Amino acid sequence: MKCVHINIRKATLIVLSILLNGAQHSHSADNHMDLTTKNMNVKNTSHSEQKPTILEHLSQDSVYTCPQDRDCDTLSPRCMNCNLNYSCIYGEELVTKCSIFKHIKCRGDDIFEKKMICRYCFQTEPWEHSCDLKANCNSIATTRSPYTTNCTVHDNIICLGPRTFNKNVLCNWTGGYRWSTALILSITLGGFGADRFYLGHWQEGIGKLFSFGGLGVWTLIDVILISLQYLGPADGSLYI
């Protein structure tokens, strides 16, 4: 029977080396998994950032409903396709050929000629387009500042470019107050603050009421101010 002699020092070194090698393999595997996860996250993040967001902007032309019981040549340009010459001379009178869209039913020939002036839609005259007026500006200010709003060309106008455009317009709106009514109230019942109450100046109206029109002085001043339209409605609108 053979006896096996074990060196305790060598055995201890062997066990320690095995444990150290196992720990290094485990740490490297964890690092590899972390790196793989980070790369996947980076790819997912870049993919999500590059993903386009589709916004559907429906223009007024696309939602416009064309009437079905009118003559074809009287329909709006939004119901037809016209051969527009963008290289024409500005202000030149032209005759263009137009055709009604196939899905639209109307009376008469669906191909006809229309007269137009060489210009873009935003170059039309103020009476040839309508704008969305805002009621949050001061119309009676000494210097009226313009604001940007949307304007649309009338249906009987043929022009180049989009039919709806942005335009800077001066503050010009009314809240329904009549200048003649305010002046009559100021002359007859101004001593009781009726003119101020009518125009929406409640605090001044109460002051005139309890001071009997400032003993007549305030009443006279308001008559002059309203007659010159220097004193207007409290909401900043214009008289009718």
Protein backbone atom coordinates (compact mmCIF):
# COMPACT_ATOMS: atom_id res chain seq x y z
CA MET A 1 0.00 0.00 0.00
CA LYS A 2 1.39 3.34 -1.09
CA CYS A 3 1.22 6.39 1.08
CA VAL A 4 0.39 9.73 -0.43
CA HIS A 5 2.23 12.65 1.05
CA ILE A 6 0.41 15.96 0.70
CA ASN A 7 2.26 19.18 1.04
CA ILE A 8 -0.13 21.53 2.85
CA ARG A 9 1.58 24.64 1.51
CA LYS A 10 1.29 23.54 -2.11
CA ALA A 11 -2.32 22.47 -1.65
CA THR A 12 -3.22 25.84 -0.21
CA LEU A 13 -1.62 27.66 -3.17
CA ILE A 14 -3.50 25.43 -5.65
CA VAL A 15 -6.87 26.14 -3.98
CA LEU A 16 -6.22 29.90 -3.89
CA SER A 17 -5.24 29.94 -7.58
CA ILE A 18 -8.45 28.10 -8.52
CA LEU A 19 -10.57 30.55 -6.52
CA LEU A 20 -8.84 33.59 -8.06
CA ASN A 21 -9.28 32.27 -11.61
CA GLY A 22 -12.98 31.67 -10.98
CA ALA A 23 -13.49 35.20 -9.64
CA GLN A 24 -11.72 36.76 -12.66
CA HIS A 25 -13.88 34.78 -15.11
CA SER A 26 -17.04 35.83 -13.26
CA HIS A 27 -16.02 39.53 -13.22
CA SER A 28 -15.14 39.50 -16.93
CA ALA A 29 -18.46 37.87 -17.74
CA ASP A 30 -20.33 40.53 -15.73
CA ASN A 31 -18.41 43.29 -17.51
CA HIS A 32 -19.23 41.74 -20.86
CA MET A 33 -22.91 41.56 -19.98
CA ASP A 34 -22.88 45.20 -18.78
CA LEU A 35 -21.17 46.33 -21.98
CA THR A 36 -23.66 44.41 -24.11
CA THR A 37 -26.58 45.92 -22.18
CA LYS A 38 -25.17 49.43 -22.55
CA ASN A 39 -24.69 48.94 -26.31
CA MET A 40 -28.26 47.70 -26.63
CA ASN A 41 -29.53 50.71 -24.66
CA VAL A 42 -27.52 53.08 -26.85
CA LYS A 43 -28.91 51.47 -29.98
CA ASN A 44 -32.47 51.63 -28.66
CA THR A 45 -32.03 55.25 -27.61
CA SER A 46 -30.59 56.31 -30.95
CA HIS A 47 -33.32 54.39 -32.74
CA SER A 48 -36.04 56.09 -30.70
CA GLU A 49 -34.46 59.52 -31.27
CA GLN A 50 -34.23 58.97 -35.01
CA LYS A 51 -37.81 57.74 -35.25
CA PRO A 52 -39.72 60.45 -37.10
CA THR A 53 -42.90 61.89 -35.69
CA ILE A 54 -45.55 62.21 -38.38
CA LEU A 55 -47.77 65.29 -37.96
CA GLU A 56 -50.69 65.54 -40.33
CA HIS A 57 -51.37 69.19 -41.10
CA LEU A 58 -54.73 69.46 -42.79
CA SER A 59 -54.92 72.72 -44.72
CA GLN A 60 -58.09 74.60 -45.30
CA ASP A 61 -58.03 73.53 -48.94
CA SER A 62 -58.13 69.84 -48.01
CA VAL A 63 -61.20 70.15 -45.76
CA TYR A 64 -63.10 72.57 -48.01
CA THR A 65 -66.41 71.16 -49.26
CA CYS A 66 -67.26 72.07 -52.83
CA PRO A 67 -70.95 72.63 -53.65
CA GLN A 68 -72.51 70.14 -56.05
CA ASP A 69 -75.33 72.19 -57.58
CA ARG A 70 -73.52 75.15 -59.17
CA ASP A 71 -72.01 75.97 -62.53
CA CYS A 72 -68.50 74.60 -62.84
CA ASP A 73 -66.91 77.94 -63.72
CA THR A 74 -68.39 79.60 -60.60
CA LEU A 75 -66.80 77.21 -58.10
CA SER A 76 -63.94 78.16 -55.84
CA PRO A 77 -60.37 77.73 -57.15
CA ARG A 78 -60.00 75.16 -54.36
CA CYS A 79 -62.36 72.91 -56.36
CA MET A 80 -60.37 73.05 -59.59
CA ASN A 81 -56.91 72.61 -61.01
CA CYS A 82 -55.61 75.62 -62.96
CA ASN A 83 -52.49 75.88 -65.08
CA LEU A 84 -50.66 78.62 -63.18
CA ASN A 85 -47.61 80.29 -64.67
CA TYR A 86 -45.20 81.19 -61.87
CA SER A 87 -42.83 82.92 -64.28
CA CYS A 88 -45.38 85.55 -65.28
CA ILE A 89 -44.86 89.29 -64.83
CA TYR A 90 -46.32 90.73 -61.64
CA GLY A 91 -49.58 92.60 -62.25
CA GLU A 92 -50.08 91.12 -65.70
CA GLU A 93 -53.63 90.03 -66.60
CA LEU A 94 -53.69 86.39 -67.67
CA VAL A 95 -56.14 83.79 -68.89
CA THR A 96 -55.57 80.35 -67.45
CA LYS A 97 -57.14 77.01 -68.25
CA CYS A 98 -58.86 75.25 -65.35
CA SER A 99 -60.49 71.86 -64.89
CA ILE A 100 -62.78 70.65 -62.12
CA PHE A 101 -61.57 67.75 -59.98
CA LYS A 102 -63.03 64.42 -61.04
CA HIS A 103 -64.87 63.70 -57.77
CA ILE A 104 -66.81 67.01 -57.96
CA LYS A 105 -70.15 67.18 -59.74
CA CYS A 106 -71.26 70.51 -61.22
CA ARG A 107 -73.24 71.94 -64.10
CA GLY A 108 -71.71 72.80 -67.47
CA ASP A 109 -68.28 72.13 -68.93
CA ASP A 110 -65.70 70.91 -66.44
CA ILE A 111 -62.88 72.50 -68.48
CA PHE A 112 -62.94 76.26 -68.97
CA GLU A 113 -60.84 79.44 -68.87
CA LYS A 114 -60.54 81.89 -65.98
CA LYS A 115 -59.08 85.38 -65.77
CA MET A 116 -56.46 86.17 -63.14
CA ILE A 117 -53.77 88.68 -62.21
CA CYS A 118 -50.17 87.54 -61.90
CA ARG A 119 -49.54 87.81 -58.14
CA TYR A 120 -49.22 85.66 -55.06
CA CYS A 121 -52.16 85.29 -52.72
CA PHE A 122 -50.45 87.28 -49.98
CA GLN A 123 -50.16 90.16 -52.47
CA THR A 124 -53.93 90.51 -52.92
CA GLU A 125 -55.74 93.66 -51.85
CA PRO A 126 -57.26 93.88 -48.35
CA TRP A 127 -60.80 93.59 -49.75
CA GLU A 128 -59.85 90.41 -51.62
CA HIS A 129 -59.10 88.34 -48.51
CA SER A 130 -60.49 87.88 -45.02
CA CYS A 131 -58.38 87.76 -41.85
CA ASP A 132 -58.99 86.30 -38.41
CA LEU A 133 -59.32 89.35 -36.17
CA LYS A 134 -58.15 89.11 -32.59
CA ALA A 135 -60.00 90.72 -29.70
CA ASN A 136 -57.14 90.85 -27.21
CA CYS A 137 -55.45 93.97 -28.52
CA ASN A 138 -55.99 97.67 -27.80
CA SER A 139 -57.65 99.41 -30.75
CA ILE A 140 -57.74 102.82 -29.10
CA ALA A 141 -54.08 103.02 -28.20
CA THR A 142 -52.15 106.05 -29.41
CA THR A 143 -49.83 103.81 -31.44
CA ARG A 144 -51.58 100.63 -32.50
CA SER A 145 -49.13 97.78 -32.88
CA PRO A 146 -49.78 95.12 -35.56
CA TYR A 147 -50.23 91.44 -34.80
CA THR A 148 -49.82 88.36 -36.98
CA THR A 149 -52.95 86.49 -38.03
CA ASN A 150 -54.18 84.08 -40.71
CA CYS A 151 -55.81 85.44 -43.86
CA THR A 152 -57.66 83.54 -46.60
CA VAL A 153 -58.29 84.70 -50.16
CA HIS A 154 -61.92 84.96 -51.29
CA ASP A 155 -63.29 82.13 -53.41
CA ASN A 156 -63.57 84.22 -56.57
CA ILE A 157 -59.85 85.13 -56.61
CA ILE A 158 -57.24 83.06 -58.47
CA CYS A 159 -53.68 83.66 -57.30
CA LEU A 160 -50.32 81.97 -56.93
CA GLY A 161 -49.16 80.08 -53.84
CA PRO A 162 -51.12 79.05 -50.73
CA ARG A 163 -54.55 80.60 -50.38
CA THR A 164 -54.11 80.95 -46.61
CA PHE A 165 -51.17 83.00 -45.40
CA ASN A 166 -49.91 85.03 -42.43
CA LYS A 167 -50.25 88.79 -42.41
CA ASN A 168 -49.49 91.63 -40.00
CA VAL A 169 -52.63 93.68 -39.41
CA LEU A 170 -53.36 96.60 -37.13
CA CYS A 171 -55.60 96.08 -34.15
CA ASN A 172 -59.04 96.98 -35.48
CA TRP A 173 -62.01 95.31 -33.83
CA THR A 174 -65.21 96.40 -32.14
CA GLY A 175 -67.16 95.14 -29.17
CA GLY A 176 -70.46 96.59 -30.37
CA TYR A 177 -70.28 99.98 -28.66
CA ARG A 178 -71.83 102.87 -30.61
CA TRP A 179 -70.17 106.26 -30.55
CA SER A 180 -73.52 108.06 -30.93
CA THR A 181 -74.99 106.24 -27.93
CA ALA A 182 -71.98 107.07 -25.76
CA LEU A 183 -72.12 110.74 -26.76
CA ILE A 184 -75.87 111.05 -26.06
CA LEU A 185 -75.44 109.41 -22.65
CA SER A 186 -72.53 111.72 -21.86
CA ILE A 187 -74.55 114.85 -22.73
CA THR A 188 -77.80 113.85 -21.01
CA LEU A 189 -76.84 111.55 -18.13
CA GLY A 190 -73.11 112.17 -17.90
CA GLY A 191 -73.48 113.70 -14.45
CA PHE A 192 -74.60 110.30 -13.16
CA GLY A 193 -71.75 108.42 -14.90
CA ALA A 194 -74.04 106.74 -17.45
CA ASP A 195 -71.51 107.21 -20.24
CA ARG A 196 -68.73 105.65 -18.18
CA PHE A 197 -70.95 102.73 -17.17
CA TYR A 198 -71.92 102.16 -20.82
CA LEU A 199 -68.30 102.07 -21.96
CA GLY A 200 -67.29 99.69 -19.16
CA HIS A 201 -65.35 102.15 -17.00
CA TRP A 202 -67.10 101.13 -13.79
CA GLN A 203 -64.76 102.73 -11.27
CA GLU A 204 -64.87 106.12 -13.01
CA GLY A 205 -68.64 105.78 -13.39
CA ILE A 206 -69.05 105.29 -9.64
CA GLY A 207 -66.80 108.29 -9.03
CA LYS A 208 -68.92 110.48 -11.33
CA LEU A 209 -72.12 109.22 -9.75
CA PHE A 210 -71.17 110.14 -6.19
CA SER A 211 -69.47 113.41 -7.17
CA PHE A 212 -72.37 114.52 -9.39
CA GLY A 213 -70.12 114.53 -12.42
CA GLY A 214 -67.31 116.27 -10.61
CA LEU A 215 -69.71 119.22 -10.06
CA GLY A 216 -70.13 119.43 -13.82
CA VAL A 217 -66.45 119.71 -14.70
CA TRP A 218 -65.91 115.98 -15.15
CA THR A 219 -69.09 115.74 -17.22
CA LEU A 220 -67.94 118.48 -19.59
CA ILE A 221 -64.53 116.88 -19.99
CA ASP A 222 -66.06 113.48 -20.83
CA VAL A 223 -68.35 115.05 -23.42
CA ILE A 224 -65.32 116.53 -25.15
CA LEU A 225 -63.31 113.31 -24.91
CA ILE A 226 -66.12 111.13 -26.29
CA SER A 227 -66.96 113.60 -29.08
CA LEU A 228 -63.31 113.45 -30.20
CA GLN A 229 -63.37 109.62 -29.75
CA TYR A 230 -60.39 109.94 -27.43
CA LEU A 231 -62.36 108.13 -24.74
CA GLY A 232 -63.46 104.70 -25.95
CA PRO A 233 -64.67 101.36 -24.58
CA ALA A 234 -62.76 99.88 -21.67
CA ASP A 235 -62.06 96.64 -23.57
CA GLY A 236 -59.89 98.49 -26.09
CA SER A 237 -62.26 98.04 -29.04
CA LEU A 238 -63.41 100.63 -31.55
CA TYR A 239 -66.79 102.28 -31.85
CA ILE A 240 -69.24 101.03 -34.45
